[in-house]
N, C-alpha and C. Protein backbone atom coordinates (compact mmCIF):
# COMPACT_ATOMS: atom_id res chain seq x y z
N UNK A 1 98.51 179.42 42.79
CA UNK A 1 98.60 179.01 44.17
C UNK A 1 99.21 178.23 44.70
N UNK A 2 99.68 178.72 46.19
CA UNK A 2 100.91 177.89 46.70
C UNK A 2 100.77 176.67 46.63
N UNK A 3 102.45 175.64 46.72
CA UNK A 3 102.39 174.74 47.23
C UNK A 3 103.05 174.31 48.66
N UNK A 4 102.28 173.44 49.46
CA UNK A 4 103.30 172.75 50.49
C UNK A 4 104.41 171.65 50.65
N UNK A 5 105.09 172.50 50.98
CA UNK A 5 106.36 171.46 50.85
C UNK A 5 106.24 170.55 52.39
N UNK A 6 106.98 168.82 52.52
CA UNK A 6 107.09 168.15 53.31
C UNK A 6 107.04 169.51 54.88
N UNK A 7 107.92 169.96 54.90
CA UNK A 7 107.30 170.18 56.13
C UNK A 7 106.57 171.93 56.86
N UNK A 8 105.51 171.49 55.61
CA UNK A 8 104.69 172.51 55.54
C UNK A 8 105.04 173.32 55.14
N UNK A 9 106.28 174.42 54.39
CA UNK A 9 105.85 175.63 53.60
C UNK A 9 105.30 175.55 52.23
N UNK A 10 105.10 177.00 52.20
CA UNK A 10 104.30 177.69 50.59
C UNK A 10 104.88 177.40 49.98
N UNK A 11 105.42 176.86 48.79
CA UNK A 11 105.94 177.02 47.54
C UNK A 11 105.20 177.15 46.40
N UNK A 12 105.78 178.34 45.70
CA UNK A 12 104.42 178.81 44.25
C UNK A 12 105.40 177.92 43.23
N UNK A 13 106.17 177.29 43.48
CA UNK A 13 107.48 176.67 42.06
C UNK A 13 106.83 174.79 41.61
N UNK A 14 106.61 174.75 43.38
CA UNK A 14 106.03 173.33 43.15
C UNK A 14 104.67 172.73 43.11
N UNK A 15 103.85 171.50 43.20
CA UNK A 15 102.68 170.92 43.22
C UNK A 15 101.94 171.48 44.45
N UNK A 16 100.85 171.81 43.90
CA UNK A 16 99.89 172.58 44.66
C UNK A 16 99.17 171.51 45.92
N UNK A 17 98.80 171.95 47.07
CA UNK A 17 97.71 171.40 47.89
C UNK A 17 96.96 170.32 46.67
N UNK A 18 95.56 170.85 45.80
CA UNK A 18 95.41 169.77 45.88
C UNK A 18 95.42 169.25 44.04
N UNK A 19 97.04 169.44 44.00
CA UNK A 19 97.56 168.56 43.17
C UNK A 19 98.05 166.97 43.41
N UNK A 20 98.07 167.55 44.32
CA UNK A 20 99.29 166.21 45.85
C UNK A 20 98.88 165.41 45.95
N UNK A 21 99.00 164.21 45.21
CA UNK A 21 98.14 162.63 45.77
C UNK A 21 98.51 162.63 46.91
N UNK A 22 97.46 161.86 47.78
CA UNK A 22 97.37 161.63 49.59
C UNK A 22 98.91 161.20 49.91
N UNK A 23 99.71 159.89 48.47
CA UNK A 23 100.72 159.50 49.24
C UNK A 23 101.80 160.05 49.11
N UNK A 24 101.95 160.74 48.43
CA UNK A 24 103.26 161.98 48.59
C UNK A 24 103.13 162.99 49.25
N UNK A 25 105.00 162.98 49.37
CA UNK A 25 105.30 164.25 49.52
C UNK A 25 106.90 164.77 49.37
N UNK A 26 106.64 165.94 48.85
CA UNK A 26 108.13 166.42 48.55
C UNK A 26 108.98 165.43 49.56
N UNK A 27 110.48 165.11 49.15
CA UNK A 27 111.38 165.18 49.92
C UNK A 27 112.68 165.89 50.24
N UNK A 28 112.35 165.87 51.83
CA UNK A 28 113.74 167.20 52.26
C UNK A 28 115.11 167.45 51.68
N UNK A 29 115.54 166.39 50.49
CA UNK A 29 116.48 166.36 49.77
C UNK A 29 115.75 166.96 48.64
N UNK A 30 115.00 167.53 48.33
CA UNK A 30 114.98 167.43 46.69
C UNK A 30 114.14 169.16 47.53
N UNK A 31 113.39 169.24 48.34
CA UNK A 31 113.65 171.00 48.79
C UNK A 31 114.69 171.68 48.44
N UNK A 32 115.56 171.26 48.94
CA UNK A 32 117.48 171.64 49.52
C UNK A 32 117.71 171.81 48.05
N UNK A 33 117.71 170.83 47.01
CA UNK A 33 118.31 171.16 45.23
C UNK A 33 117.63 172.41 45.35
N UNK A 34 116.28 172.74 45.26
CA UNK A 34 115.06 173.41 44.80
C UNK A 34 115.42 174.69 45.06
N UNK A 35 115.21 174.35 46.28
CA UNK A 35 115.86 175.56 47.26
C UNK A 35 117.54 176.64 46.95
N UNK A 36 118.63 175.40 46.30
CA UNK A 36 119.70 176.26 45.98
C UNK A 36 119.92 176.38 45.05
N UNK A 37 118.86 176.75 44.25
CA UNK A 37 118.50 177.57 42.80
C UNK A 37 119.54 176.66 41.64
N UNK A 38 119.53 174.90 42.02
CA UNK A 38 120.28 174.23 41.24
C UNK A 38 118.88 173.50 40.27
N UNK A 39 118.67 174.35 39.15
CA UNK A 39 117.59 174.07 38.35
C UNK A 39 117.79 173.32 36.95
N UNK A 40 119.12 173.48 36.09
CA UNK A 40 119.03 173.00 35.11
C UNK A 40 121.21 172.67 34.95
N UNK A 41 120.72 172.04 34.44
CA UNK A 41 122.69 171.13 34.18
C UNK A 41 121.83 169.87 33.87
N UNK A 42 122.69 170.76 31.93
CA UNK A 42 122.27 170.09 30.96
C UNK A 42 122.87 168.30 30.94
N UNK A 43 122.66 167.93 30.49
CA UNK A 43 120.34 167.46 30.09
C UNK A 43 119.69 167.80 30.50
N UNK A 44 119.49 168.10 32.42
CA UNK A 44 118.51 167.68 32.78
C UNK A 44 118.34 169.22 33.22
N UNK A 45 117.05 169.50 33.81
CA UNK A 45 116.53 170.57 34.41
C UNK A 45 115.10 170.05 34.88
N UNK A 46 115.15 170.33 36.07
CA UNK A 46 114.06 170.22 37.38
C UNK A 46 113.21 171.62 36.73
N UNK A 47 112.15 170.76 36.87
CA UNK A 47 110.75 170.62 36.10
C UNK A 47 109.97 172.24 37.58
N UNK A 48 109.76 172.98 36.80
CA UNK A 48 108.62 174.40 38.11
C UNK A 48 107.74 174.17 38.10
N UNK A 49 106.54 175.05 38.05
CA UNK A 49 105.26 175.20 38.11
C UNK A 49 105.31 176.54 36.72
N UNK A 50 103.91 175.79 35.50
CA UNK A 50 103.42 174.88 35.55
C UNK A 50 103.81 173.86 34.89
N UNK A 51 105.05 173.79 34.81
CA UNK A 51 105.21 172.48 33.57
C UNK A 51 105.10 171.05 34.18
N UNK A 52 105.12 171.28 35.65
CA UNK A 52 104.96 169.99 36.61
C UNK A 52 103.66 169.47 36.34
N UNK A 53 103.23 170.57 36.34
CA UNK A 53 101.52 169.96 36.35
C UNK A 53 101.09 168.95 34.60
N UNK A 54 101.53 170.62 33.93
CA UNK A 54 101.72 169.76 32.66
C UNK A 54 102.05 168.60 32.41
N UNK A 55 102.59 167.85 32.76
CA UNK A 55 103.43 166.60 32.68
C UNK A 55 102.53 165.65 32.59
N UNK A 56 102.50 166.13 34.25
CA UNK A 56 101.93 164.75 35.60
C UNK A 56 100.50 164.52 34.74
N UNK A 57 100.03 165.52 33.60
CA UNK A 57 98.49 165.15 33.49
C UNK A 57 98.86 164.67 32.74
N UNK A 58 99.79 164.78 31.42
CA UNK A 58 100.20 164.31 30.37
C UNK A 58 100.95 162.92 30.41
N UNK A 59 101.68 162.04 31.55
CA UNK A 59 102.19 161.24 32.13
C UNK A 59 100.70 160.04 32.60
N UNK A 60 99.90 161.22 33.59
CA UNK A 60 98.30 160.27 33.34
C UNK A 60 97.47 160.19 32.52
N UNK A 61 97.64 160.79 31.56
CA UNK A 61 97.39 160.22 30.16
C UNK A 61 97.43 158.68 29.60
N UNK A 62 99.03 158.88 29.31
CA UNK A 62 99.98 157.84 28.35
C UNK A 62 100.72 156.63 29.36
N UNK A 63 99.79 156.89 30.73
CA UNK A 63 99.94 155.54 31.51
C UNK A 63 99.45 155.88 32.94
N UNK A 64 98.27 155.64 32.53
CA UNK A 64 96.98 155.72 33.63
C UNK A 64 96.95 154.61 34.61
N UNK A 65 97.62 153.55 34.43
CA UNK A 65 97.65 152.31 35.65
C UNK A 65 99.57 152.65 36.55
N UNK A 66 99.68 153.70 36.51
CA UNK A 66 101.74 154.14 37.22
C UNK A 66 100.65 155.65 38.18
N UNK A 67 101.09 155.36 39.28
CA UNK A 67 100.84 156.99 39.64
C UNK A 67 101.68 157.98 39.88
N UNK A 68 102.27 158.42 38.88
CA UNK A 68 103.34 158.95 38.90
C UNK A 68 103.79 160.65 38.82
N UNK A 69 104.93 161.56 39.75
CA UNK A 69 104.89 162.61 39.84
C UNK A 69 106.18 162.81 39.67
N UNK A 70 106.37 163.80 38.39
CA UNK A 70 107.97 164.75 38.04
C UNK A 70 107.87 165.52 38.43
N UNK A 71 109.64 165.27 38.21
CA UNK A 71 110.24 166.66 38.56
C UNK A 71 111.26 167.20 38.29
N UNK A 72 111.97 166.32 36.88
CA UNK A 72 113.05 166.62 36.06
C UNK A 72 113.17 165.98 35.23
N UNK A 73 113.39 166.91 34.22
CA UNK A 73 113.25 166.10 32.10
C UNK A 73 114.70 166.69 31.83
N UNK A 74 115.03 165.30 31.07
CA UNK A 74 116.14 164.89 30.67
C UNK A 74 116.07 166.09 29.08
N UNK A 75 116.91 167.29 29.21
CA UNK A 75 116.33 167.93 28.05
C UNK A 75 116.91 167.36 26.23
N UNK A 76 117.35 166.54 26.66
CA UNK A 76 118.46 165.91 24.86
C UNK A 76 117.28 164.91 24.37
N UNK A 77 116.45 164.17 24.79
CA UNK A 77 115.72 163.15 24.78
C UNK A 77 114.17 163.41 25.79
N UNK A 78 112.97 162.22 25.91
CA UNK A 78 111.77 162.68 26.29
C UNK A 78 111.92 161.16 27.93
N UNK A 79 113.50 161.49 28.65
CA UNK A 79 112.99 161.57 30.06
C UNK A 79 113.27 162.07 31.20
N UNK A 80 111.89 161.42 31.84
CA UNK A 80 111.96 162.13 32.55
C UNK A 80 111.67 161.35 33.86
N UNK A 81 112.23 162.26 35.39
CA UNK A 81 112.98 161.59 36.92
C UNK A 81 111.35 162.18 37.37
N UNK A 82 110.78 161.32 38.21
CA UNK A 82 109.37 160.57 38.49
C UNK A 82 110.01 160.30 40.34
N UNK A 83 108.82 160.37 40.87
CA UNK A 83 108.81 159.29 41.92
C UNK A 83 107.32 159.09 42.08
N UNK A 84 106.98 157.41 42.18
CA UNK A 84 106.19 156.55 42.02
C UNK A 84 105.42 155.84 43.16
N UNK A 85 103.89 156.12 43.08
CA UNK A 85 103.63 155.36 44.00
C UNK A 85 103.55 153.92 44.21
N UNK A 86 103.66 153.88 45.63
CA UNK A 86 104.06 152.52 46.61
C UNK A 86 105.70 152.57 46.10
N UNK A 87 106.51 153.09 45.21
CA UNK A 87 107.58 152.86 45.39
C UNK A 87 109.16 154.59 46.57
N UNK A 88 107.76 155.26 46.75
CA UNK A 88 108.80 156.49 47.53
C UNK A 88 110.23 155.47 48.18
N UNK A 89 110.88 156.43 48.49
CA UNK A 89 111.36 157.30 47.72
C UNK A 89 111.95 157.40 46.46
N UNK A 90 112.03 155.77 46.42
CA UNK A 90 112.60 155.68 45.08
C UNK A 90 112.33 156.96 43.75
N UNK A 91 113.77 157.18 42.88
CA UNK A 91 112.82 158.19 41.91
C UNK A 91 113.41 157.06 40.42
N UNK A 92 112.24 156.93 39.92
CA UNK A 92 111.72 156.33 38.79
C UNK A 92 112.71 156.97 37.33
N UNK A 93 113.36 156.41 36.27
CA UNK A 93 113.23 156.90 35.09
C UNK A 93 112.32 156.83 34.20
N UNK A 94 111.01 157.59 33.65
CA UNK A 94 110.33 157.24 32.86
C UNK A 94 110.56 157.61 31.06
N UNK A 95 110.39 156.55 29.76
CA UNK A 95 111.10 156.91 28.80
C UNK A 95 109.58 157.71 28.11
N UNK A 96 109.51 159.30 28.84
CA UNK A 96 107.87 159.44 28.27
C UNK A 96 108.06 159.81 26.74
N UNK A 97 106.18 159.19 26.06
CA UNK A 97 106.18 159.40 24.82
C UNK A 97 105.97 157.38 24.18
N UNK A 98 106.44 156.65 25.70
CA UNK A 98 106.59 155.51 24.95
C UNK A 98 105.36 154.83 24.77
N UNK A 99 104.82 153.73 24.73
CA UNK A 99 104.54 152.94 24.35
C UNK A 99 103.99 152.31 25.89
N UNK A 100 102.83 152.23 26.68
CA UNK A 100 102.39 151.84 27.60
C UNK A 100 103.53 150.70 28.10
N UNK A 101 104.39 149.81 28.78
CA UNK A 101 104.95 148.96 28.90
C UNK A 101 106.47 149.05 28.17
N UNK A 102 106.87 149.88 27.92
CA UNK A 102 108.34 150.25 27.77
C UNK A 102 109.15 151.74 27.66
N UNK A 103 108.08 152.19 28.97
CA UNK A 103 108.94 153.24 29.23
C UNK A 103 109.61 153.71 29.99
N UNK A 104 110.01 152.37 31.26
CA UNK A 104 110.47 152.72 32.42
C UNK A 104 112.22 152.29 31.85
N UNK A 105 112.77 153.27 32.08
CA UNK A 105 114.56 153.30 31.95
C UNK A 105 115.42 152.70 33.13
N UNK A 106 115.23 153.76 34.22
CA UNK A 106 115.61 152.59 35.64
C UNK A 106 115.88 153.14 36.60
N UNK A 107 116.23 153.07 37.76
CA UNK A 107 115.68 153.94 39.45
C UNK A 107 117.33 154.13 39.82
N UNK A 108 116.29 154.87 40.64
CA UNK A 108 117.21 155.26 41.27
C UNK A 108 116.79 155.17 43.26
N UNK A 109 117.18 155.25 43.88
CA UNK A 109 117.52 154.77 45.97
C UNK A 109 116.16 155.63 46.34
N UNK A 110 117.06 156.74 45.33
CA UNK A 110 116.63 158.30 46.21
C UNK A 110 116.80 159.25 45.42
N UNK A 111 116.43 160.83 45.52
CA UNK A 111 116.57 161.73 44.74
C UNK A 111 118.86 162.67 44.73
N UNK A 112 119.30 161.28 45.82
CA UNK A 112 119.95 162.14 46.19
C UNK A 112 120.95 160.82 44.64
N UNK A 113 121.05 160.05 45.34
CA UNK A 113 121.34 159.07 43.37
C UNK A 113 121.40 158.96 42.68
N UNK A 114 120.06 160.11 42.50
CA UNK A 114 119.80 160.28 41.48
C UNK A 114 120.80 161.61 40.59
N UNK A 115 120.68 162.22 42.14
CA UNK A 115 121.22 163.84 41.21
C UNK A 115 122.63 163.34 41.76
N UNK A 116 123.16 162.20 41.94
CA UNK A 116 124.07 162.27 41.73
C UNK A 116 124.71 162.25 40.14
N UNK A 117 123.97 160.99 39.60
CA UNK A 117 123.34 160.40 38.18
C UNK A 117 123.46 161.30 36.90
N UNK A 118 122.91 162.94 37.31
CA UNK A 118 121.99 163.59 36.74
C UNK A 118 123.84 164.86 36.63
N UNK A 119 124.89 164.50 37.62
CA UNK A 119 125.69 165.17 37.42
C UNK A 119 127.04 164.30 36.72
N UNK A 120 126.73 163.53 36.73
CA UNK A 120 127.51 162.77 36.20
C UNK A 120 127.40 162.59 34.20
N UNK A 121 126.01 162.86 33.97
CA UNK A 121 125.82 163.59 32.92
C UNK A 121 125.32 165.06 32.00
N UNK A 122 125.65 165.69 33.44
CA UNK A 122 125.85 166.60 33.50
C UNK A 122 127.63 167.21 32.58
N UNK A 123 128.75 166.15 33.16
CA UNK A 123 129.97 166.60 33.33
C UNK A 123 130.42 165.85 31.74
N UNK A 124 129.10 164.23 31.24
CA UNK A 124 129.17 164.18 30.20
C UNK A 124 128.64 164.82 29.01
N UNK A 125 127.98 165.34 29.27
CA UNK A 125 127.65 165.88 28.11
C UNK A 125 127.82 166.89 27.41
N UNK A 126 127.79 167.06 25.56
CA UNK A 126 127.96 168.37 25.82
C UNK A 126 127.74 168.52 24.08
N UNK A 127 126.47 169.80 24.32
CA UNK A 127 125.63 170.35 23.70
C UNK A 127 126.34 171.37 23.14
């Protein structure tokens, strides 16, 4: 099933309309990142279907008091970049699999600020 971006474009690689909560639309800057083909810049990778849905279900089970939409995964640890209900367009880094209350790592004003930090991680990362 296809997903719709903020601008009404159908996307197979993102959340389906049934999965997207009422409070959420993909930021245009994120759609530009996906459209650019920038998907893996170790240690980060942009999540696509079916990994978005799977990670979102897991976050909902582990942190039921938070409305989180994951969009990127740090591959060398359990950090996930997410949007959170009531915090848009901020990006929060959640340490998935942590105990509730210990999961929040840091935040960014928006996707562009997160991407700059992720590129810094890429430049410093040596696998």
